[in-house]
Protein backbone atom coordinates (compact mmCIF):
# COMPACT_ATOMS: atom_id res chain seq x y z
CA MET A 1 120.66 128.13 85.59
CA ARG A 2 117.07 128.50 84.51
CA TRP A 3 114.05 127.50 86.60
CA THR A 4 110.52 127.08 85.41
CA LEU A 5 107.35 126.38 87.33
CA ALA A 6 105.72 123.10 86.44
CA PRO A 7 101.95 122.79 86.17
CA ALA A 8 100.07 121.67 89.26
CA PRO A 9 101.19 118.14 90.11
CA ALA A 10 98.59 115.42 90.28
CA THR A 11 98.98 115.33 94.07
CA VAL A 12 97.94 118.97 94.42
CA GLN A 13 94.96 118.35 92.16
CA ARG A 14 93.97 115.38 94.35
CA ILE A 15 94.23 117.65 97.40
CA ARG A 16 91.94 120.21 95.75
CA ASN A 17 89.41 117.50 94.92
CA ARG A 18 89.51 115.80 98.33
CA ALA A 19 86.73 116.61 100.74
CA LEU A 20 87.89 117.64 104.19
CA GLU A 21 85.38 115.68 106.20
CA SER A 22 85.46 113.00 108.81
CA PRO A 23 82.69 111.26 110.73
CA ALA A 24 83.73 113.02 113.94
CA MET A 25 84.04 116.44 112.31
CA SER A 26 81.19 118.83 112.90
CA THR A 27 82.86 121.86 111.31
CA ALA A 28 81.91 122.66 107.73
CA LEU A 29 84.82 123.37 105.36
CA HIS A 30 84.60 124.49 101.78
CA LEU A 31 87.36 124.84 99.22
CA ALA A 32 87.45 128.56 98.40
CA LYS A 33 87.01 129.61 94.78
CA PRO A 34 87.45 132.99 93.03
CA GLY A 35 83.86 133.97 93.90
CA ASP A 36 84.75 133.73 97.62
CA LEU A 37 87.26 136.59 97.52
CA GLY A 38 84.76 139.06 99.02
CA ARG A 39 84.04 136.73 101.93
CA LEU A 40 87.69 135.93 102.61
CA LEU A 41 89.27 139.39 102.50
CA PRO A 42 87.46 140.76 105.60
CA LEU A 43 88.40 137.62 107.55
CA ILE A 44 92.02 137.91 106.48
CA ALA A 45 92.05 141.63 107.36
CA ALA A 46 90.68 140.81 110.83
CA HIS A 47 93.31 138.11 111.35
CA HIS A 48 96.10 140.40 110.17
CA ALA A 49 94.87 143.15 112.50
CA GLU A 50 95.03 140.71 115.44
CA GLN A 51 98.53 139.61 114.42
CA GLY A 52 99.85 143.10 113.70
CA VAL A 53 100.41 142.36 110.00
CA GLU A 54 100.34 145.57 108.00
CA GLN A 55 99.21 144.95 104.44
CA SER A 56 96.88 146.73 102.05
CA ASP A 57 93.66 145.08 100.89
CA GLU A 58 95.07 145.13 97.36
CA ALA A 59 98.21 143.25 98.47
CA ARG A 60 96.05 140.71 100.33
CA ALA A 61 93.91 140.14 97.24
CA ASP A 62 97.00 139.82 95.03
CA ALA A 63 98.44 137.16 97.35
CA LEU A 64 95.15 135.28 97.77
CA CYS A 65 93.76 135.22 94.21
CA PRO A 66 96.19 132.61 92.83
CA LEU A 67 95.23 130.21 95.62
CA LEU A 68 91.56 130.63 94.74
CA ASP A 69 92.34 130.09 91.07
CA GLU A 70 93.93 126.61 91.37
CA SER A 71 97.54 127.59 91.99
CA PRO A 72 99.78 124.57 92.67
CA HIS A 73 101.23 126.48 95.62
CA GLY A 74 98.34 126.22 98.04
CA VAL A 75 94.65 126.14 98.87
CA ALA A 76 92.23 128.21 100.91
CA TYR A 77 89.26 126.79 102.81
CA LEU A 78 86.29 128.62 104.31
CA ILE A 79 85.30 127.49 107.80
CA GLY A 80 81.58 127.35 108.56
CA PRO A 81 78.71 128.07 106.18
CA ALA A 82 79.98 128.90 102.67
CA ARG A 83 77.80 132.02 102.42
CA ALA A 84 78.69 133.31 105.89
CA PRO A 85 82.03 131.80 106.93
CA VAL A 86 83.32 132.22 110.46
CA GLY A 87 86.94 131.65 109.53
CA TYR A 88 89.43 130.36 107.02
CA VAL A 89 92.55 128.28 106.70
CA ILE A 90 95.32 128.64 104.13
CA VAL A 91 97.60 125.67 103.40
CA THR A 92 100.66 126.26 101.24
CA PHE A 93 102.73 123.53 99.59
CA GLY A 94 106.44 122.92 99.34
CA TRP A 95 108.87 120.07 98.92
CA SER A 96 110.87 118.43 101.68
CA LEU A 97 113.70 115.97 101.26
CA ALA A 98 113.57 115.23 104.99
CA PHE A 99 109.89 114.25 104.81
CA GLY A 100 110.15 112.52 101.45
CA GLY A 101 108.14 114.73 99.13
CA LEU A 102 105.29 117.21 99.06
CA ASP A 103 104.69 118.93 102.37
CA GLY A 104 102.28 121.60 103.48
CA THR A 105 102.15 124.40 105.99
CA VAL A 106 99.08 125.75 107.73
CA GLU A 107 100.00 129.29 106.73
CA GLU A 108 97.06 131.00 108.37
CA LEU A 109 94.20 129.74 110.51
CA TYR A 110 91.59 132.19 111.71
CA ILE A 111 88.26 131.80 113.47
CA ARG A 112 86.20 134.84 114.48
CA PRO A 113 86.65 135.60 118.21
CA ALA A 114 82.90 135.27 118.94
CA VAL A 115 82.91 131.60 117.90
CA ARG A 116 86.29 130.44 119.16
CA ARG A 117 86.70 127.64 121.71
CA ARG A 118 83.91 125.56 120.17
CA GLY A 119 86.16 122.86 118.74
CA MET A 120 86.37 124.12 115.15
CA GLY A 121 90.15 124.55 115.22
CA SER A 122 90.61 121.08 116.72
CA ASP A 123 88.26 119.55 114.14
CA LEU A 124 90.21 121.21 111.37
CA LEU A 125 93.68 120.25 112.61
CA HIS A 126 92.57 116.63 113.00
CA ALA A 127 90.89 116.45 109.58
CA LEU A 128 93.60 118.21 107.53
CA PRO A 129 96.37 115.63 108.07
CA ARG A 130 94.04 112.72 107.30
CA ALA A 131 92.60 114.26 104.16
CA LEU A 132 95.82 115.74 102.81
CA GLY A 133 97.88 112.68 103.73
CA GLY A 134 95.38 110.51 101.89
CA ALA A 135 95.95 112.70 98.82
CA GLY A 136 99.73 112.29 98.95
CA LEU A 137 101.05 114.99 101.27
CA ARG A 138 103.99 113.65 103.33
CA ALA A 139 103.99 116.15 106.21
CA LEU A 140 101.90 119.04 107.46
CA HIS A 141 103.46 121.88 109.46
CA PHE A 142 101.62 124.28 111.76
CA ASP A 143 103.51 127.49 112.49
CA VAL A 144 102.55 129.27 115.71
CA ASP A 145 104.03 132.24 117.50
CA ARG A 146 106.28 131.30 120.39
CA GLY A 147 104.18 133.49 122.68
CA ASN A 148 100.81 132.04 121.63
CA ALA A 149 100.25 129.33 124.24
CA SER A 150 96.66 128.74 123.10
CA ALA A 151 97.73 127.97 119.51
CA GLN A 152 100.54 125.76 120.80
CA ARG A 153 98.07 123.73 122.90
CA LEU A 154 95.75 123.46 119.88
CA GLY A 155 98.57 122.10 117.74
CA THR A 156 99.79 119.70 120.42
CA ARG A 157 96.27 118.29 120.94
CA ALA A 158 96.06 117.69 117.19
CA GLY A 159 99.32 115.71 117.15
CA PHE A 160 101.76 118.38 115.95
CA THR A 161 105.14 118.45 117.66
CA ALA A 162 107.55 121.34 118.09
CA HIS A 163 110.96 121.06 116.51
CA GLU A 164 113.23 121.94 119.37
CA GLY A 165 116.47 123.52 118.33
CA THR A 166 115.12 124.94 115.07
CA MET A 167 113.73 128.34 114.32
CA ARG A 168 112.19 129.55 111.10
CA MET A 169 114.13 132.50 109.76
CA THR A 170 112.91 134.73 106.95
CA ARG A 171 114.46 137.17 104.54
CA ARG A 172 112.01 139.29 102.57
CA LEU A 173 112.88 139.55 98.91
């Protein structure tokens, strides 16, 4: 059997073009482009250091660059001022029969420690479902570590629910 990757579906293009803003949102978000690589990599390295993820800068750049260059597999947003972001969020896309189509996962969400607990994460997790749902996404998932009570509270406040009885399992290829 032969599989080929289709070009970016219209829904993903609508997601890329959709502004992530709401009247109640005070947090600035900007769709990251190739020129933002130098601003994103230090933020990602800081997040990975906090999470214990061991990865070279080259591997991070290799994984991130397609998302900055209009890959149909996901998007990256800068949080805060575009020239001096205080964080980032990565949303990746998949397909779910259970949810009826295109779904997304908040793959990584990071805000610098010095500016946490100011409502930026809440703003973001409230705005993402509205904006992405309006562009055709059917479900948005937010993966958090079982031991991260703060992230769990953040997700719960934003309307995400845990799937009791399921556990994400991974096999590296």
